[in-house]
C-alpha atoms as a PDB file:
ATOM      1  CA  MET A   1     -41.114   9.084  83.553  1.00  0.00           C
ATOM      2  CA  HIS A   2     -43.849   8.928  86.186  1.00  0.00           C
ATOM      3  CA  VAL A   3     -45.746   5.633  86.394  1.00  0.00           C
ATOM      4  CA  ALA A   4     -48.880   5.641  88.539  1.00  0.00           C
ATOM      5  CA  ILE A   5     -50.307   2.332  89.726  1.00  0.00           C
ATOM      6  CA  LEU A   6     -54.023   2.902  90.166  1.00  0.00           C
ATOM      7  CA  THR A   7     -55.087   1.300  93.425  1.00  0.00           C
ATOM      8  CA  PHE A   8     -58.667   1.248  94.690  1.00  0.00           C
ATOM      9  CA  GLU A   9     -60.458   0.073  97.829  1.00  0.00           C
ATOM     10  CA  GLY A  10     -60.453  -3.731  97.947  1.00  0.00           C
ATOM     11  CA  PHE A  11     -57.387  -3.986  95.693  1.00  0.00           C
ATOM     12  CA  ASN A  12     -55.373  -7.171  95.289  1.00  0.00           C
ATOM     13  CA  GLU A  13     -51.966  -6.706  96.925  1.00  0.00           C
ATOM     14  CA  LEU A  14     -50.251  -8.841  94.301  1.00  0.00           C
ATOM     15  CA  ASP A  15     -51.455  -6.656  91.450  1.00  0.00           C
ATOM     16  CA  SER A  16     -50.372  -3.348  92.962  1.00  0.00           C
ATOM     17  CA  LEU A  17     -47.329  -4.150  95.092  1.00  0.00           C
ATOM     18  CA  ILE A  18     -45.504  -6.584  92.818  1.00  0.00           C
ATOM     19  CA  ALA A  19     -45.866  -4.136  89.930  1.00  0.00           C
ATOM     20  CA  PHE A  20     -44.654  -1.354  92.249  1.00  0.00           C
ATOM     21  CA  GLY A  21     -41.549  -3.351  93.200  1.00  0.00           C
ATOM     22  CA  ILE A  22     -40.673  -4.342  89.645  1.00  0.00           C
ATOM     23  CA  LEU A  23     -41.297  -0.954  88.033  1.00  0.00           C
ATOM     24  CA  ASN A  24     -39.202   0.812  90.683  1.00  0.00           C
ATOM     25  CA  ARG A  25     -36.150  -1.098  89.454  1.00  0.00           C
ATOM     26  CA  VAL A  26     -36.025   0.907  86.223  1.00  0.00           C
ATOM     27  CA  PRO A  27     -33.496   3.753  86.616  1.00  0.00           C
ATOM     28  CA  GLY A  28     -35.023   7.186  86.177  1.00  0.00           C
ATOM     29  CA  TRP A  29     -38.629   6.076  86.664  1.00  0.00           C
ATOM     30  CA  ARG A  30     -40.772   7.489  89.461  1.00  0.00           C
ATOM     31  CA  VAL A  31     -43.408   4.965  90.494  1.00  0.00           C
ATOM     32  CA  SER A  32     -46.338   5.923  92.717  1.00  0.00           C
ATOM     33  CA  ILE A  33     -49.452   4.377  94.174  1.00  0.00           C
ATOM     34  CA  ALA A  34     -52.373   6.566  93.054  1.00  0.00           C
ATOM     35  CA  SER A  35     -55.721   6.262  94.816  1.00  0.00           C
ATOM     36  CA  PRO A  36     -59.011   8.141  95.040  1.00  0.00           C
ATOM     37  CA  THR A  37     -58.555   8.559  98.820  1.00  0.00           C
ATOM     38  CA  ASP A  38     -55.565   9.107 101.123  1.00  0.00           C
ATOM     39  CA  LYS A  39     -55.634   5.456 102.216  1.00  0.00           C
ATOM     40  CA  VAL A  40     -57.053   2.289 100.678  1.00  0.00           C
ATOM     41  CA  ARG A  41     -57.526  -1.147 102.247  1.00  0.00           C
ATOM     42  CA  SER A  42     -56.772  -4.294 100.275  1.00  0.00           C
ATOM     43  CA  MET A  43     -59.026  -7.313  99.946  1.00  0.00           C
ATOM     44  CA  ASN A  44     -56.983  -8.898 102.741  1.00  0.00           C
ATOM     45  CA  GLY A  45     -56.964  -5.912 105.104  1.00  0.00           C
ATOM     46  CA  LEU A  46     -53.622  -4.270 104.257  1.00  0.00           C
ATOM     47  CA  THR A  47     -53.889  -0.466 104.377  1.00  0.00           C
ATOM     48  CA  VAL A  48     -51.741   1.507 101.929  1.00  0.00           C
ATOM     49  CA  GLU A  49     -51.269   5.259 101.753  1.00  0.00           C
ATOM     50  CA  ALA A  50     -51.560   6.875  98.352  1.00  0.00           C
ATOM     51  CA  GLN A  51     -48.465   8.699  97.184  1.00  0.00           C
ATOM     52  CA  VAL A  52     -50.420  10.758  94.650  1.00  0.00           C
ATOM     53  CA  SER A  53     -54.085  11.421  94.033  1.00  0.00           C
ATOM     54  CA  LEU A  54     -55.806  10.232  90.883  1.00  0.00           C
ATOM     55  CA  GLU A  55     -55.978  13.861  89.743  1.00  0.00           C
ATOM     56  CA  GLU A  56     -52.221  14.295  90.207  1.00  0.00           C
ATOM     57  CA  ALA A  57     -51.704  11.142  88.166  1.00  0.00           C
ATOM     58  CA  GLY A  58     -53.881  12.577  85.405  1.00  0.00           C
ATOM     59  CA  VAL A  59     -56.573   9.938  85.811  1.00  0.00           C
ATOM     60  CA  ALA A  60     -60.302  10.304  85.395  1.00  0.00           C
ATOM     61  CA  VAL A  61     -62.308   7.353  86.690  1.00  0.00           C
ATOM     62  CA  LEU A  62     -65.051   6.383  84.250  1.00  0.00           C
ATOM     63  CA  ASN A  63     -68.108   4.287  84.991  1.00  0.00           C
ATOM     64  CA  GLN A  64     -67.565   1.855  82.126  1.00  0.00           C
ATOM     65  CA  PRO A  65     -66.006  -1.589  81.848  1.00  0.00           C
ATOM     66  CA  PHE A  66     -63.400  -0.790  79.193  1.00  0.00           C
ATOM     67  CA  VAL A  67     -61.663   2.173  77.625  1.00  0.00           C
ATOM     68  CA  ALA A  68     -58.542   2.522  75.504  1.00  0.00           C
ATOM     69  CA  ASN A  69     -56.349   5.405  74.478  1.00  0.00           C
ATOM     70  CA  GLY A  70     -53.550   4.380  72.139  1.00  0.00           C
ATOM     71  CA  ASN A  71     -51.723   1.474  73.773  1.00  0.00           C
ATOM     72  CA  VAL A  72     -53.209   2.094  77.224  1.00  0.00           C
ATOM     73  CA  ALA A  73     -56.318   0.066  78.026  1.00  0.00           C
ATOM     74  CA  PRO A  74     -57.583  -0.465  81.569  1.00  0.00           C
ATOM     75  CA  ALA A  75     -60.543  -2.699  82.313  1.00  0.00           C
ATOM     76  CA  GLY A  76     -62.907  -1.973  85.222  1.00  0.00           C
ATOM     77  CA  GLY A  77     -63.271  -5.086  87.368  1.00  0.00           C
ATOM     78  CA  CYS A  78     -61.774  -8.550  87.016  1.00  0.00           C
ATOM     79  CA  LEU A  79     -64.692  -9.776  84.895  1.00  0.00           C
ATOM     80  CA  ALA A  80     -63.934  -6.995  82.425  1.00  0.00           C
ATOM     81  CA  SER A  81     -60.608  -8.673  81.681  1.00  0.00           C
ATOM     82  CA  GLN A  82     -62.327 -10.482  78.791  1.00  0.00           C
ATOM     83  CA  TYR A  83     -62.683  -7.077  77.110  1.00  0.00           C
ATOM     84  CA  LEU A  84     -59.031  -6.282  77.661  1.00  0.00           C
ATOM     85  CA  ALA A  85     -57.937  -9.625  76.215  1.00  0.00           C
ATOM     86  CA  ALA A  86     -60.325  -9.358  73.262  1.00  0.00           C
ATOM     87  CA  TRP A  87     -59.149  -5.804  72.484  1.00  0.00           C
ATOM     88  CA  PHE A  88     -55.513  -6.873  72.613  1.00  0.00           C
ATOM     89  CA  ILE A  89     -56.089  -9.875  70.329  1.00  0.00           C
ATOM     90  CA  ALA A  90     -58.263  -7.853  67.939  1.00  0.00           C
ATOM     91  CA  ARG A  91     -55.569  -5.181  67.601  1.00  0.00           C
ATOM     92  CA  LEU A  92     -52.777  -7.652  66.960  1.00  0.00           C
ATOM     93  CA  ALA A  93     -54.460 -10.609  65.246  1.00  0.00           C
ATOM     94  CA  GLY A  94     -57.846  -9.320  64.089  1.00  0.00           C
ATOM     95  CA  VAL A  95     -61.433  -9.368  65.281  1.00  0.00           C
ATOM     96  CA  ASP A  96     -62.027 -12.933  64.082  1.00  0.00           C
ATOM     97  CA  ALA A  97     -59.140 -14.183  66.227  1.00  0.00           C
ATOM     98  CA  ALA A  98     -60.565 -12.306  69.228  1.00  0.00           C
ATOM     99  CA  CYS A  99     -63.989 -13.893  68.688  1.00  0.00           C
ATOM    100  CA  ASP A 100     -62.434 -17.353  68.414  1.00  0.00           C
ATOM    101  CA  ALA A 101     -60.520 -16.837  71.660  1.00  0.00           C
ATOM    102  CA  LEU A 102     -63.641 -15.636  73.471  1.00  0.00           C
ATOM    103  CA  ARG A 103     -65.672 -18.641  72.276  1.00  0.00           C
ATOM    104  CA  TYR A 104     -63.278 -20.832  74.243  1.00  0.00           C
ATOM    105  CA  VAL A 105     -64.002 -19.165  77.602  1.00  0.00           C
ATOM    106  CA  VAL A 106     -67.591 -17.884  77.566  1.00  0.00           C
ATOM    107  CA  PRO A 107     -70.481 -19.896  79.067  1.00  0.00           C
ATOM    108  CA  VAL A 108     -71.918 -22.632  76.882  1.00  0.00           C
ATOM    109  CA  GLY A 109     -75.072 -21.502  75.148  1.00  0.00           C
ATOM    110  CA  GLU A 110     -74.229 -17.814  75.625  1.00  0.00           C
ATOM    111  CA  GLN A 111     -71.316 -17.493  73.215  1.00  0.00           C
ATOM    112  CA  GLU A 112     -72.927 -15.042  70.812  1.00  0.00           C
ATOM    113  CA  LEU A 113     -74.385 -12.904  73.617  1.00  0.00           C
ATOM    114  CA  TYR A 114     -70.986 -12.572  75.312  1.00  0.00           C
ATOM    115  CA  ILE A 115     -69.094 -12.000  72.065  1.00  0.00           C
ATOM    116  CA  THR A 116     -71.586  -9.367  70.920  1.00  0.00           C
ATOM    117  CA  ARG A 117     -71.233  -7.554  74.258  1.00  0.00           C
ATOM    118  CA  ALA A 118     -67.448  -7.756  74.143  1.00  0.00           C
ATOM    119  CA  LEU A 119     -67.312  -6.393  70.607  1.00  0.00           C
ATOM    120  CA  ALA A 120     -69.685  -3.567  71.543  1.00  0.00           C
ATOM    121  CA  ASN A 121     -67.317  -2.553  74.344  1.00  0.00           C
ATOM    122  CA  ILE A 122     -64.040  -2.787  72.403  1.00  0.00           C
ATOM    123  CA  SER A 123     -65.026  -1.756  68.857  1.00  0.00           C
ATOM    124  CA  PRO A 124     -64.920   2.013  69.512  1.00  0.00           C
ATOM    125  CA  PHE A 125     -61.257   1.603  70.512  1.00  0.00           C
ATOM    126  CA  LEU A 126     -60.010  -0.516  67.595  1.00  0.00           C
END
């Protein structure tokens, strides 16, 4: 199995390199850093060379905050993590449970706006 860790300019070293180290411990797995350019610099200035291109990893970068295909669901940007969490909860515990969880973390007075936006982004993938 080939696992590609998608790594972009300004990446967080912890996200990419810890996953790289852990996933490489599985016998028979090939783990690679995949990037849109030959080299990417982390948020703290560490430069890493890509082992494969995004195309070689079979990745198309989309200009949208959330997408899902089966059990694979990346979110674009750390603030899009609310969509990832809501999608995961909605799939396993239902949309009402996802809405309840979101109500706990969204800004006061903007609950319905945030929940409506989250549902609009995840509903096509449920």
